[in-house]
PDB file of N, CA and C in Angstrom:
ATOM      1  N   MET A   1     -70.061  43.261  15.043  1.00  0.00           N
ATOM      2  CA  MET A   1     -70.402  41.854  15.225  1.00  0.00           C
ATOM      3  C   MET A   1     -70.532  41.208  13.852  1.00  0.00           C
ATOM      4  N   SER A   2     -69.884  40.071  13.673  1.00  0.00           N
ATOM      5  CA  SER A   2     -69.905  39.412  12.369  1.00  0.00           C
ATOM      6  C   SER A   2     -71.239  38.721  12.129  1.00  0.00           C
ATOM      7  N   GLU A   3     -71.507  38.461  10.856  1.00  0.00           N
ATOM      8  CA  GLU A   3     -72.761  37.799  10.499  1.00  0.00           C
ATOM      9  C   GLU A   3     -72.814  36.372  11.010  1.00  0.00           C
ATOM     10  N   GLU A   4     -71.658  35.737  11.181  1.00  0.00           N
ATOM     11  CA  GLU A   4     -71.614  34.345  11.601  1.00  0.00           C
ATOM     12  C   GLU A   4     -71.500  34.194  13.110  1.00  0.00           C
ATOM     13  N   SER A   5     -71.669  35.291  13.857  1.00  0.00           N
ATOM     14  CA  SER A   5     -71.535  35.178  15.311  1.00  0.00           C
ATOM     15  C   SER A   5     -72.644  34.307  15.876  1.00  0.00           C
ATOM     16  N   ASP A   6     -72.331  33.689  16.997  1.00  0.00           N
ATOM     17  CA  ASP A   6     -73.291  32.789  17.630  1.00  0.00           C
ATOM     18  C   ASP A   6     -74.446  33.574  18.231  1.00  0.00           C
ATOM     19  N   MET A   7     -75.605  32.934  18.255  1.00  0.00           N
ATOM     20  CA  MET A   7     -76.780  33.551  18.855  1.00  0.00           C
ATOM     21  C   MET A   7     -76.643  33.478  20.365  1.00  0.00           C
ATOM     22  N   SER A   8     -77.098  34.498  21.053  1.00  0.00           N
ATOM     23  CA  SER A   8     -77.130  34.402  22.506  1.00  0.00           C
ATOM     24  C   SER A   8     -78.438  33.739  22.896  1.00  0.00           C
ATOM     25  N   ILE A   9     -78.487  33.288  24.124  1.00  0.00           N
ATOM     26  CA  ILE A   9     -79.685  32.595  24.597  1.00  0.00           C
ATOM     27  C   ILE A   9     -80.904  33.516  24.526  1.00  0.00           C
ATOM     28  N   GLU A  10     -80.678  34.832  24.657  1.00  0.00           N
ATOM     29  CA  GLU A  10     -81.798  35.770  24.607  1.00  0.00           C
ATOM     30  C   GLU A  10     -82.436  35.829  23.222  1.00  0.00           C
ATOM     31  N   GLU A  11     -81.697  35.424  22.178  1.00  0.00           N
ATOM     32  CA  GLU A  11     -82.222  35.465  20.819  1.00  0.00           C
ATOM     33  C   GLU A  11     -82.992  34.207  20.445  1.00  0.00           C
ATOM     34  N   LYS A  12     -82.931  33.185  21.274  1.00  0.00           N
ATOM     35  CA  LYS A  12     -83.673  31.951  21.016  1.00  0.00           C
ATOM     36  C   LYS A  12     -85.156  32.204  21.283  1.00  0.00           C
ATOM     37  N   THR A  13     -86.011  31.543  20.509  1.00  0.00           N
ATOM     38  CA  THR A  13     -87.453  31.741  20.683  1.00  0.00           C
ATOM     39  C   THR A  13     -88.155  30.521  21.250  1.00  0.00           C
ATOM     40  N   ASN A  14     -87.501  29.359  21.237  1.00  0.00           N
ATOM     41  CA  ASN A  14     -88.101  28.132  21.747  1.00  0.00           C
ATOM     42  C   ASN A  14     -87.948  28.102  23.270  1.00  0.00           C
ATOM     43  N   PRO A  15     -89.050  28.237  24.016  1.00  0.00           N
ATOM     44  CA  PRO A  15     -88.934  28.276  25.482  1.00  0.00           C
ATOM     45  C   PRO A  15     -88.374  26.985  26.077  1.00  0.00           C
ATOM     46  N   ASN A  16     -88.645  25.845  25.441  1.00  0.00           N
ATOM     47  CA  ASN A  16     -88.081  24.583  25.936  1.00  0.00           C
ATOM     48  C   ASN A  16     -86.565  24.560  25.776  1.00  0.00           C
ATOM     49  N   LEU A  17     -86.077  25.070  24.668  1.00  0.00           N
ATOM     50  CA  LEU A  17     -84.640  25.124  24.430  1.00  0.00           C
ATOM     51  C   LEU A  17     -83.975  26.082  25.417  1.00  0.00           C
ATOM     52  N   ILE A  18     -84.585  27.219  25.642  1.00  0.00           N
ATOM     53  CA  ILE A  18     -84.028  28.195  26.582  1.00  0.00           C
ATOM     54  C   ILE A  18     -83.911  27.590  27.976  1.00  0.00           C
ATOM     55  N   SER A  19     -84.972  26.915  28.427  1.00  0.00           N
ATOM     56  CA  SER A  19     -84.920  26.318  29.769  1.00  0.00           C
ATOM     57  C   SER A  19     -83.915  25.167  29.816  1.00  0.00           C
ATOM     58  N   LEU A  20     -83.798  24.396  28.741  1.00  0.00           N
ATOM     59  CA  LEU A  20     -82.827  23.303  28.694  1.00  0.00           C
ATOM     60  C   LEU A  20     -81.406  23.843  28.810  1.00  0.00           C
ATOM     61  N   ILE A  21     -81.092  24.892  28.074  1.00  0.00           N
ATOM     62  CA  ILE A  21     -79.752  25.481  28.122  1.00  0.00           C
ATOM     63  C   ILE A  21     -79.435  25.951  29.539  1.00  0.00           C
ATOM     64  N   LYS A  22     -80.385  26.619  30.169  1.00  0.00           N
ATOM     65  CA  LYS A  22     -80.169  27.088  31.547  1.00  0.00           C
ATOM     66  C   LYS A  22     -79.981  25.916  32.499  1.00  0.00           C
ATOM     67  N   GLU A  23     -80.798  24.870  32.353  1.00  0.00           N
ATOM     68  CA  GLU A  23     -80.674  23.691  33.225  1.00  0.00           C
ATOM     69  C   GLU A  23     -79.325  23.009  33.048  1.00  0.00           C
ATOM     70  N   LEU A  24     -78.871  22.886  31.815  1.00  0.00           N
ATOM     71  CA  LEU A  24     -77.583  22.239  31.569  1.00  0.00           C
ATOM     72  C   LEU A  24     -76.436  23.047  32.174  1.00  0.00           C
ATOM     73  N   LYS A  25     -76.496  24.366  32.055  1.00  0.00           N
ATOM     74  CA  LYS A  25     -75.453  25.208  32.651  1.00  0.00           C
ATOM     75  C   LYS A  25     -75.472  25.099  34.173  1.00  0.00           C
ATOM     76  N   ASP A  26     -76.671  25.086  34.755  1.00  0.00           N
ATOM     77  CA  ASP A  26     -76.787  24.927  36.212  1.00  0.00           C
ATOM     78  C   ASP A  26     -76.216  23.584  36.654  1.00  0.00           C
ATOM     79  N   ARG A  27     -76.559  22.535  35.937  1.00  0.00           N
ATOM     80  CA  ARG A  27     -76.070  21.194  36.276  1.00  0.00           C
ATOM     81  C   ARG A  27     -74.542  21.145  36.165  1.00  0.00           C
ATOM     82  N   ALA A  28     -74.004  21.789  35.144  1.00  0.00           N
ATOM     83  CA  ALA A  28     -72.547  21.816  34.972  1.00  0.00           C
ATOM     84  C   ALA A  28     -71.876  22.468  36.175  1.00  0.00           C
ATOM     85  N   ARG A  29     -72.470  23.549  36.657  1.00  0.00           N
ATOM     86  CA  ARG A  29     -71.918  24.256  37.812  1.00  0.00           C
ATOM     87  C   ARG A  29     -72.058  23.433  39.092  1.00  0.00           C
ATOM     88  N   GLU A  30     -73.267  22.921  39.328  1.00  0.00           N
ATOM     89  CA  GLU A  30     -73.558  22.192  40.564  1.00  0.00           C
ATOM     90  C   GLU A  30     -72.764  20.894  40.672  1.00  0.00           C
ATOM     91  N   LYS A  31     -72.670  20.153  39.595  1.00  0.00           N
ATOM     92  CA  LYS A  31     -72.029  18.833  39.616  1.00  0.00           C
ATOM     93  C   LYS A  31     -70.589  18.862  39.119  1.00  0.00           C
ATOM     94  N   GLU A  32     -70.092  20.070  38.803  1.00  0.00           N
ATOM     95  CA  GLU A  32     -68.750  20.213  38.244  1.00  0.00           C
ATOM     96  C   GLU A  32     -68.567  19.266  37.058  1.00  0.00           C
ATOM     97  N   ALA A  33     -69.517  19.341  36.138  1.00  0.00           N
ATOM     98  CA  ALA A  33     -69.542  18.470  34.960  1.00  0.00           C
ATOM     99  C   ALA A  33     -69.434  19.329  33.698  1.00  0.00           C
ATOM    100  N   PRO A  34     -68.217  19.551  33.212  1.00  0.00           N
ATOM    101  CA  PRO A  34     -68.034  20.442  32.061  1.00  0.00           C
ATOM    102  C   PRO A  34     -68.729  19.979  30.787  1.00  0.00           C
ATOM    103  N   ILE A  35     -69.043  18.695  30.681  1.00  0.00           N
ATOM    104  CA  ILE A  35     -69.711  18.209  29.469  1.00  0.00           C
ATOM    105  C   ILE A  35     -71.048  18.917  29.260  1.00  0.00           C
ATOM    106  N   TRP A  36     -71.779  19.182  30.335  1.00  0.00           N
ATOM    107  CA  TRP A  36     -73.096  19.810  30.190  1.00  0.00           C
ATOM    108  C   TRP A  36     -72.963  21.274  29.783  1.00  0.00           C
ATOM    109  N   ARG A  37     -71.901  21.960  30.233  1.00  0.00           N
ATOM    110  CA  ARG A  37     -71.663  23.335  29.786  1.00  0.00           C
ATOM    111  C   ARG A  37     -71.335  23.332  28.290  1.00  0.00           C
ATOM    112  N   ASP A  38     -70.526  22.385  27.864  1.00  0.00           N
ATOM    113  CA  ASP A  38     -70.161  22.273  26.453  1.00  0.00           C
ATOM    114  C   ASP A  38     -71.412  22.062  25.595  1.00  0.00           C
ATOM    115  N   VAL A  39     -72.272  21.138  26.011  1.00  0.00           N
ATOM    116  CA  VAL A  39     -73.506  20.867  25.260  1.00  0.00           C
ATOM    117  C   VAL A  39     -74.382  22.116  25.225  1.00  0.00           C
ATOM    118  N   ALA A  40     -74.527  22.805  26.365  1.00  0.00           N
ATOM    119  CA  ALA A  40     -75.348  24.021  26.423  1.00  0.00           C
ATOM    120  C   ALA A  40     -74.803  25.087  25.481  1.00  0.00           C
ATOM    121  N   GLU A  41     -73.494  25.258  25.472  1.00  0.00           N
ATOM    122  CA  GLU A  41     -72.896  26.267  24.592  1.00  0.00           C
ATOM    123  C   GLU A  41     -73.101  25.918  23.121  1.00  0.00           C
ATOM    124  N   ARG A  42     -73.050  24.645  22.795  1.00  0.00           N
ATOM    125  CA  ARG A  42     -73.303  24.243  21.403  1.00  0.00           C
ATOM    126  C   ARG A  42     -74.755  24.504  21.016  1.00  0.00           C
ATOM    127  N   LEU A  43     -75.680  24.307  21.961  1.00  0.00           N
ATOM    128  CA  LEU A  43     -77.095  24.554  21.672  1.00  0.00           C
ATOM    129  C   LEU A  43     -77.410  26.041  21.583  1.00  0.00           C
ATOM    130  N   GLU A  44     -76.568  26.879  22.172  1.00  0.00           N
ATOM    131  CA  GLU A  44     -76.769  28.325  22.082  1.00  0.00           C
ATOM    132  C   GLU A  44     -76.473  28.847  20.685  1.00  0.00           C
ATOM    133  N   ARG A  45     -75.685  28.109  19.930  1.00  0.00           N
ATOM    134  CA  ARG A  45     -75.350  28.526  18.572  1.00  0.00           C
ATOM    135  C   ARG A  45     -76.598  28.512  17.696  1.00  0.00           C
ATOM    136  N   SER A  46     -76.476  29.138  16.566  1.00  0.00           N
ATOM    137  CA  SER A  46     -77.540  29.084  15.573  1.00  0.00           C
ATOM    138  C   SER A  46     -77.797  27.624  15.217  1.00  0.00           C
ATOM    139  N   SER A  47     -79.054  27.256  15.070  1.00  0.00           N
ATOM    140  CA  SER A  47     -79.380  25.849  14.813  1.00  0.00           C
ATOM    141  C   SER A  47     -78.783  25.340  13.501  1.00  0.00           C
ATOM    142  N   LYS A  48     -78.457  26.224  12.583  1.00  0.00           N
ATOM    143  CA  LYS A  48     -77.829  25.759  11.342  1.00  0.00           C
ATOM    144  C   LYS A  48     -76.406  25.254  11.589  1.00  0.00           C
ATOM    145  N   HIS A  49     -75.849  25.549  12.767  1.00  0.00           N
ATOM    146  CA  HIS A  49     -74.514  25.071  13.126  1.00  0.00           C
ATOM    147  C   HIS A  49     -74.560  23.896  14.099  1.00  0.00           C
ATOM    148  N   TRP A  50     -75.748  23.397  14.415  1.00  0.00           N
ATOM    149  CA  TRP A  50     -75.877  22.263  15.326  1.00  0.00           C
ATOM    150  C   TRP A  50     -75.385  20.989  14.650  1.00  0.00           C
ATOM    151  N   ALA A  51     -75.021  20.041  15.475  1.00  0.00           N
ATOM    152  CA  ALA A  51     -74.559  18.747  14.978  1.00  0.00           C
ATOM    153  C   ALA A  51     -75.707  17.985  14.325  1.00  0.00           C
ATOM    154  N   GLU A  52     -75.394  17.308  13.248  1.00  0.00           N
ATOM    155  CA  GLU A  52     -76.309  16.358  12.611  1.00  0.00           C
ATOM    156  C   GLU A  52     -75.499  15.083  12.424  1.00  0.00           C
ATOM    157  N   VAL A  53     -75.839  14.062  13.194  1.00  0.00           N
ATOM    158  CA  VAL A  53     -75.042  12.840  13.225  1.00  0.00           C
ATOM    159  C   VAL A  53     -75.858  11.684  12.668  1.00  0.00           C
ATOM    160  N   ASN A  54     -75.300  11.001  11.670  1.00  0.00           N
ATOM    161  CA  ASN A  54     -75.961   9.837  11.082  1.00  0.00           C
ATOM    162  C   ASN A  54     -75.699   8.590  11.914  1.00  0.00           C
ATOM    163  N   LEU A  55     -76.624   7.646  11.834  1.00  0.00           N
ATOM    164  CA  LEU A  55     -76.460   6.381  12.542  1.00  0.00           C
ATOM    165  C   LEU A  55     -75.192   5.658  12.102  1.00  0.00           C
ATOM    166  N   SER A  56     -74.830   5.781  10.829  1.00  0.00           N
ATOM    167  CA  SER A  56     -73.612   5.121  10.341  1.00  0.00           C
ATOM    168  C   SER A  56     -72.376   5.637  11.079  1.00  0.00           C
ATOM    169  N   SER A  57     -72.346   6.914  11.380  1.00  0.00           N
ATOM    170  CA  SER A  57     -71.229   7.495  12.125  1.00  0.00           C
ATOM    171  C   SER A  57     -71.206   6.989  13.563  1.00  0.00           C
ATOM    172  N   ILE A  58     -72.379   6.872  14.162  1.00  0.00           N
ATOM    173  CA  ILE A  58     -72.468   6.329  15.516  1.00  0.00           C
ATOM    174  C   ILE A  58     -71.974   4.888  15.517  1.00  0.00           C
ATOM    175  N   GLU A  59     -72.410   4.109  14.548  1.00  0.00           N
ATOM    176  CA  GLU A  59     -72.006   2.702  14.455  1.00  0.00           C
ATOM    177  C   GLU A  59     -70.482   2.567  14.360  1.00  0.00           C
ATOM    178  N   ARG A  60     -69.847   3.436  13.583  1.00  0.00           N
ATOM    179  CA  ARG A  60     -68.392   3.374  13.391  1.00  0.00           C
ATOM    180  C   ARG A  60     -67.605   3.819  14.619  1.00  0.00           C
ATOM    181  N   ASN A  61     -68.137   4.757  15.380  1.00  0.00           N
ATOM    182  CA  ASN A  61     -67.337   5.433  16.402  1.00  0.00           C
ATOM    183  C   ASN A  61     -67.633   5.076  17.850  1.00  0.00           C
ATOM    184  N   VAL A  62     -68.584   4.210  18.106  1.00  0.00           N
ATOM    185  CA  VAL A  62     -68.893   3.852  19.497  1.00  0.00           C
ATOM    186  C   VAL A  62     -68.810   2.346  19.694  1.00  0.00           C
ATOM    187  N   GLU A  63     -68.716   1.963  20.940  1.00  0.00           N
ATOM    188  CA  GLU A  63     -68.701   0.550  21.313  1.00  0.00           C
ATOM    189  C   GLU A  63     -70.057   0.181  21.904  1.00  0.00           C
ATOM    190  N   GLU A  64     -70.340  -1.097  21.910  1.00  0.00           N
ATOM    191  CA  GLU A  64     -71.572  -1.614  22.515  1.00  0.00           C
ATOM    192  C   GLU A  64     -71.671  -1.106  23.956  1.00  0.00           C
ATOM    193  N   GLY A  65     -72.831  -0.580  24.323  1.00  0.00           N
ATOM    194  CA  GLY A  65     -73.066  -0.127  25.689  1.00  0.00           C
ATOM    195  C   GLY A  65     -72.641   1.304  25.976  1.00  0.00           C
ATOM    196  N   ASP A  66     -72.030   1.986  25.007  1.00  0.00           N
ATOM    197  CA  ASP A  66     -71.610   3.375  25.212  1.00  0.00           C
ATOM    198  C   ASP A  66     -72.813   4.297  25.360  1.00  0.00           C
ATOM    199  N   THR A  67     -72.561   5.440  25.970  1.00  0.00           N
ATOM    200  CA  THR A  67     -73.547   6.509  26.054  1.00  0.00           C
ATOM    201  C   THR A  67     -72.968   7.707  25.329  1.00  0.00           C
ATOM    202  N   ILE A  68     -73.744   8.264  24.402  1.00  0.00           N
ATOM    203  CA  ILE A  68     -73.277   9.433  23.661  1.00  0.00           C
ATOM    204  C   ILE A  68     -74.311  10.539  23.752  1.00  0.00           C
ATOM    205  N   VAL A  69     -73.837  11.755  23.525  1.00  0.00           N
ATOM    206  CA  VAL A  69     -74.723  12.906  23.481  1.00  0.00           C
ATOM    207  C   VAL A  69     -74.495  13.607  22.145  1.00  0.00           C
ATOM    208  N   VAL A  70     -75.595  13.984  21.508  1.00  0.00           N
ATOM    209  CA  VAL A  70     -75.552  14.710  20.243  1.00  0.00           C
ATOM    210  C   VAL A  70     -76.226  16.059  20.476  1.00  0.00           C
ATOM    211  N   PRO A  71     -75.448  17.142  20.526  1.00  0.00           N
ATOM    212  CA  PRO A  71     -76.045  18.459  20.721  1.00  0.00           C
ATOM    213  C   PRO A  71     -76.640  18.971  19.407  1.00  0.00           C
ATOM    214  N   GLY A  72     -77.677  18.299  18.978  1.00  0.00           N
ATOM    215  CA  GLY A  72     -78.326  18.591  17.708  1.00  0.00           C
ATOM    216  C   GLY A  72     -79.280  17.473  17.367  1.00  0.00           C
ATOM    217  N   LYS A  73     -79.151  16.941  16.142  1.00  0.00           N
ATOM    218  CA  LYS A  73     -80.112  15.954  15.653  1.00  0.00           C
ATOM    219  C   LYS A  73     -79.426  14.666  15.212  1.00  0.00           C
ATOM    220  N   VAL A  74     -80.052  13.540  15.543  1.00  0.00           N
ATOM    221  CA  VAL A  74     -79.602  12.234  15.068  1.00  0.00           C
ATOM    222  C   VAL A  74     -80.413  11.915  13.816  1.00  0.00           C
ATOM    223  N   LEU A  75     -79.704  11.580  12.732  1.00  0.00           N
ATOM    224  CA  LEU A  75     -80.352  11.272  11.459  1.00  0.00           C
ATOM    225  C   LEU A  75     -80.295   9.774  11.191  1.00  0.00           C
ATOM    226  N   GLY A  76     -81.234   9.280  10.419  1.00  0.00           N
ATOM    227  CA  GLY A  76     -81.395   7.846  10.225  1.00  0.00           C
ATOM    228  C   GLY A  76     -80.582   7.211   9.124  1.00  0.00           C
ATOM    229  N   ALA A  77     -79.645   7.925   8.508  1.00  0.00           N
ATOM    230  CA  ALA A  77     -78.845   7.336   7.431  1.00  0.00           C
ATOM    231  C   ALA A  77     -77.858   6.326   8.001  1.00  0.00           C
ATOM    232  N   GLY A  78     -77.890   5.136   7.471  1.00  0.00           N
ATOM    233  CA  GLY A  78     -76.983   4.095   7.922  1.00  0.00           C
ATOM    234  C   GLY A  78     -77.697   3.067   8.778  1.00  0.00           C
ATOM    235  N   ILE A  79     -76.920   2.087   9.208  1.00  0.00           N
ATOM    236  CA  ILE A  79     -77.469   0.993  10.010  1.00  0.00           C
ATOM    237  C   ILE A  79     -76.775   0.991  11.357  1.00  0.00           C
ATOM    238  N   LEU A  80     -77.562   0.896  12.404  1.00  0.00           N
ATOM    239  CA  LEU A  80     -77.024   0.806  13.758  1.00  0.00           C
ATOM    240  C   LEU A  80     -77.295  -0.593  14.279  1.00  0.00           C
ATOM    241  N   LYS A  81     -76.230  -1.303  14.651  1.00  0.00           N
ATOM    242  CA  LYS A  81     -76.366  -2.658  15.178  1.00  0.00           C
ATOM    243  C   LYS A  81     -76.015  -2.727  16.655  1.00  0.00           C
ATOM    244  N   LYS A  82     -75.369  -1.699  17.164  1.00  0.00           N
ATOM    245  CA  LYS A  82     -74.900  -1.706  18.548  1.00  0.00           C
ATOM    246  C   LYS A  82     -75.966  -1.154  19.486  1.00  0.00           C
ATOM    247  N   GLU A  83     -76.020  -1.740  20.664  1.00  0.00           N
ATOM    248  CA  GLU A  83     -76.951  -1.277  21.691  1.00  0.00           C
ATOM    249  C   GLU A  83     -76.281  -0.128  22.446  1.00  0.00           C
ATOM    250  N   VAL A  84     -76.716   1.092  22.153  1.00  0.00           N
ATOM    251  CA  VAL A  84     -76.129   2.278  22.772  1.00  0.00           C
ATOM    252  C   VAL A  84     -77.236   3.170  23.318  1.00  0.00           C
ATOM    253  N   THR A  85     -76.857   4.047  24.230  1.00  0.00           N
ATOM    254  CA  THR A  85     -77.776   5.054  24.750  1.00  0.00           C
ATOM    255  C   THR A  85     -77.380   6.376  24.121  1.00  0.00           C
ATOM    256  N   ILE A  86     -78.355   7.053  23.528  1.00  0.00           N
ATOM    257  CA  ILE A  86     -78.095   8.302  22.822  1.00  0.00           C
ATOM    258  C   ILE A  86     -78.984   9.388  23.401  1.00  0.00           C
ATOM    259  N   GLY A  87     -78.372  10.495  23.775  1.00  0.00           N
ATOM    260  CA  GLY A  87     -79.111  11.677  24.194  1.00  0.00           C
ATOM    261  C   GLY A  87     -78.982  12.718  23.105  1.00  0.00           C
ATOM    262  N   ALA A  88     -80.097  13.269  22.650  1.00  0.00           N
ATOM    263  CA  ALA A  88     -80.059  14.256  21.569  1.00  0.00           C
ATOM    264  C   ALA A  88     -81.206  15.242  21.734  1.00  0.00           C
ATOM    265  N   PHE A  89     -81.035  16.426  21.130  1.00  0.00           N
ATOM    266  CA  PHE A  89     -82.119  17.404  21.161  1.00  0.00           C
ATOM    267  C   PHE A  89     -83.262  16.948  20.264  1.00  0.00           C
ATOM    268  N   LYS A  90     -82.914  16.369  19.104  1.00  0.00           N
ATOM    269  CA  LYS A  90     -83.916  15.870  18.157  1.00  0.00           C
ATOM    270  C   LYS A  90     -83.405  14.593  17.510  1.00  0.00           C
ATOM    271  N   ALA A  91     -84.326  13.838  16.934  1.00  0.00           N
ATOM    272  CA  ALA A  91     -83.960  12.661  16.145  1.00  0.00           C
ATOM    273  C   ALA A  91     -85.025  12.454  15.081  1.00  0.00           C
ATOM    274  N   SER A  92     -84.594  11.994  13.923  1.00  0.00           N
ATOM    275  CA  SER A  92     -85.564  11.684  12.871  1.00  0.00           C
ATOM    276  C   SER A  92     -86.331  10.427  13.267  1.00  0.00           C
ATOM    277  N   ARG A  93     -87.491  10.260  12.672  1.00  0.00           N
ATOM    278  CA  ARG A  93     -88.315   9.081  12.978  1.00  0.00           C
ATOM    279  C   ARG A  93     -87.567   7.797  12.639  1.00  0.00           C
ATOM    280  N   SER A  94     -86.878   7.780  11.491  1.00  0.00           N
ATOM    281  CA  SER A  94     -86.147   6.569  11.101  1.00  0.00           C
ATOM    282  C   SER A  94     -85.000   6.283  12.074  1.00  0.00           C
ATOM    283  N   ALA A  95     -84.364   7.320  12.610  1.00  0.00           N
ATOM    284  CA  ALA A  95     -83.305   7.116  13.604  1.00  0.00           C
ATOM    285  C   ALA A  95     -83.888   6.524  14.879  1.00  0.00           C
ATOM    286  N   GLU A  96     -85.027   7.046  15.314  1.00  0.00           N
ATOM    287  CA  GLU A  96     -85.687   6.517  16.516  1.00  0.00           C
ATOM    288  C   GLU A  96     -85.980   5.029  16.352  1.00  0.00           C
ATOM    289  N   GLU A  97     -86.520   4.663  15.198  1.00  0.00           N
ATOM    290  CA  GLU A  97     -86.873   3.264  14.939  1.00  0.00           C
ATOM    291  C   GLU A  97     -85.634   2.372  14.905  1.00  0.00           C
ATOM    292  N   SER A  98     -84.578   2.832  14.248  1.00  0.00           N
ATOM    293  CA  SER A  98     -83.354   2.031  14.142  1.00  0.00           C
ATOM    294  C   SER A  98     -82.678   1.836  15.496  1.00  0.00           C
ATOM    295  N   ILE A  99     -82.681   2.866  16.320  1.00  0.00           N
ATOM    296  CA  ILE A  99     -82.081   2.766  17.654  1.00  0.00           C
ATOM    297  C   ILE A  99     -82.848   1.749  18.486  1.00  0.00           C
ATOM    298  N   ALA A 100     -84.175   1.805  18.425  1.00  0.00           N
ATOM    299  CA  ALA A 100     -85.005   0.856  19.175  1.00  0.00           C
ATOM    300  C   ALA A 100     -84.797  -0.571  18.666  1.00  0.00           C
ATOM    301  N   GLU A 101     -84.723  -0.750  17.343  1.00  0.00           N
ATOM    302  CA  GLU A 101     -84.511  -2.084  16.760  1.00  0.00           C
ATOM    303  C   GLU A 101     -83.177  -2.691  17.189  1.00  0.00           C
ATOM    304  N   ALA A 102     -82.170  -1.841  17.381  1.00  0.00           N
ATOM    305  CA  ALA A 102     -80.846  -2.318  17.794  1.00  0.00           C
ATOM    306  C   ALA A 102     -80.796  -2.597  19.298  1.00  0.00           C
ATOM    307  N   GLY A 103     -81.885  -2.292  20.002  1.00  0.00           N
ATOM    308  CA  GLY A 103     -81.910  -2.503  21.449  1.00  0.00           C
ATOM    309  C   GLY A 103     -81.356  -1.329  22.226  1.00  0.00           C
ATOM    310  N   GLY A 104     -81.110  -0.230  21.526  1.00  0.00           N
ATOM    311  CA  GLY A 104     -80.578   0.966  22.175  1.00  0.00           C
ATOM    312  C   GLY A 104     -81.682   1.818  22.767  1.00  0.00           C
ATOM    313  N   GLU A 105     -81.280   2.955  23.271  1.00  0.00           N
ATOM    314  CA  GLU A 105     -82.230   3.850  23.917  1.00  0.00           C
ATOM    315  C   GLU A 105     -81.952   5.271  23.460  1.00  0.00           C
ATOM    316  N   LEU A 106     -83.014   5.991  23.103  1.00  0.00           N
ATOM    317  CA  LEU A 106     -82.909   7.387  22.713  1.00  0.00           C
ATOM    318  C   LEU A 106     -83.566   8.229  23.790  1.00  0.00           C
ATOM    319  N   LEU A 107     -82.807   9.166  24.344  1.00  0.00           N
ATOM    320  CA  LEU A 107     -83.309  10.049  25.391  1.00  0.00           C
ATOM    321  C   LEU A 107     -83.198  11.488  24.921  1.00  0.00           C
ATOM    322  N   ASN A 108     -84.057  12.351  25.463  1.00  0.00           N
ATOM    323  CA  ASN A 108     -83.820  13.761  25.205  1.00  0.00           C
ATOM    324  C   ASN A 108     -82.690  14.206  26.131  1.00  0.00           C
ATOM    325  N   LEU A 109     -82.128  15.368  25.883  1.00  0.00           N
ATOM    326  CA  LEU A 109     -80.958  15.813  26.637  1.00  0.00           C
ATOM    327  C   LEU A 109     -81.257  15.989  28.121  1.00  0.00           C
ATOM    328  N   ARG A 110     -82.443  16.441  28.436  1.00  0.00           N
ATOM    329  CA  ARG A 110     -82.827  16.638  29.836  1.00  0.00           C
ATOM    330  C   ARG A 110     -82.822  15.297  30.582  1.00  0.00           C
ATOM    331  N   GLU A 111     -83.388  14.263  29.948  1.00  0.00           N
ATOM    332  CA  GLU A 111     -83.419  12.931  30.572  1.00  0.00           C
ATOM    333  C   GLU A 111     -82.007  12.385  30.782  1.00  0.00           C
ATOM    334  N   LEU A 112     -81.151  12.560  29.791  1.00  0.00           N
ATOM    335  CA  LEU A 112     -79.784  12.062  29.917  1.00  0.00           C
ATOM    336  C   LEU A 112     -79.038  12.796  31.029  1.00  0.00           C
ATOM    337  N   ALA A 113     -79.223  14.103  31.109  1.00  0.00           N
ATOM    338  CA  ALA A 113     -78.555  14.883  32.158  1.00  0.00           C
ATOM    339  C   ALA A 113     -79.055  14.486  33.549  1.00  0.00           C
ATOM    340  N   GLU A 114     -80.330  14.119  33.658  1.00  0.00           N
ATOM    341  CA  GLU A 114     -80.864  13.672  34.946  1.00  0.00           C
ATOM    342  C   GLU A 114     -80.301  12.304  35.329  1.00  0.00           C
ATOM    343  N   ARG A 115     -80.144  11.424  34.342  1.00  0.00           N
ATOM    344  CA  ARG A 115     -79.606  10.085  34.614  1.00  0.00           C
ATOM    345  C   ARG A 115     -78.122  10.101  34.918  1.00  0.00           C
ATOM    346  N   ARG A 116     -77.403  10.969  34.239  1.00  0.00           N
ATOM    347  CA  ARG A 116     -75.940  11.012  34.367  1.00  0.00           C
ATOM    348  C   ARG A 116     -75.508  12.436  34.719  1.00  0.00           C
ATOM    349  N   PRO A 117     -75.873  12.937  35.901  1.00  0.00           N
ATOM    350  CA  PRO A 117     -75.614  14.338  36.241  1.00  0.00           C
ATOM    351  C   PRO A 117     -74.135  14.727  36.237  1.00  0.00           C
ATOM    352  N   GLU A 118     -73.254  13.785  36.561  1.00  0.00           N
ATOM    353  CA  GLU A 118     -71.824  14.102  36.553  1.00  0.00           C
ATOM    354  C   GLU A 118     -71.252  14.075  35.143  1.00  0.00           C
ATOM    355  N   GLY A 119     -71.993  13.491  34.213  1.00  0.00           N
ATOM    356  CA  GLY A 119     -71.552  13.460  32.822  1.00  0.00           C
ATOM    357  C   GLY A 119     -70.392  12.523  32.555  1.00  0.00           C
ATOM    358  N   SER A 120     -70.149  11.598  33.464  1.00  0.00           N
ATOM    359  CA  SER A 120     -69.011  10.697  33.281  1.00  0.00           C
ATOM    360  C   SER A 120     -69.337   9.608  32.260  1.00  0.00           C
ATOM    361  N   ASP A 121     -68.314   9.195  31.539  1.00  0.00           N
ATOM    362  CA  ASP A 121     -68.419   8.132  30.534  1.00  0.00           C
ATOM    363  C   ASP A 121     -69.447   8.434  29.448  1.00  0.00           C
ATOM    364  N   ILE A 122     -69.534   9.695  29.057  1.00  0.00           N
ATOM    365  CA  ILE A 122     -70.407  10.105  27.954  1.00  0.00           C
ATOM    366  C   ILE A 122     -69.522  10.711  26.871  1.00  0.00           C
ATOM    367  N   LYS A 123     -69.755  10.309  25.638  1.00  0.00           N
ATOM    368  CA  LYS A 123     -69.012  10.850  24.504  1.00  0.00           C
ATOM    369  C   LYS A 123     -69.888  11.864  23.780  1.00  0.00           C
ATOM    370  N   ILE A 124     -69.288  12.973  23.364  1.00  0.00           N
ATOM    371  CA  ILE A 124     -69.999  13.955  22.548  1.00  0.00           C
ATOM    372  C   ILE A 124     -69.712  13.630  21.092  1.00  0.00           C
ATOM    373  N   MET A 125     -70.768  13.569  20.293  1.00  0.00           N
ATOM    374  CA  MET A 125     -70.602  13.380  18.849  1.00  0.00           C
ATOM    375  C   MET A 125     -71.210  14.575  18.133  1.00  0.00           C
ATOM    376  N   GLY A 126     -70.472  15.091  17.164  1.00  0.00           N
ATOM    377  CA  GLY A 126     -70.986  16.184  16.368  1.00  0.00           C
ATOM    378  C   GLY A 126     -70.241  17.416  16.511  1.00  0.00           C
TER     379      GLY A 126
END
């Protein structure tokens, strides 16, 4: 096994993360929504390989009203002017504030999966 191999879910120590990964995989199976399996598999990786997406990147790559998922952390670098819904495992305090100021909404991944169980019209960033 190589040093860069992905961590299995059994190697994770955060019980909330473990339950989230299982819930996302279950939802993917039940609702035939491959996006949730993709997000779960990305979260199974070592956290050093998780996505880190800046607000400037979100601003450049999404349209007003879009819903995106970040299987990792949203960072506060840049300016967000668009009203978007973002689901992420984590977000910096400055990112949370900027999203709220733009009229957007920041959800944890569990909340986003509950709102959009089929995963339709969601973009993955990261």
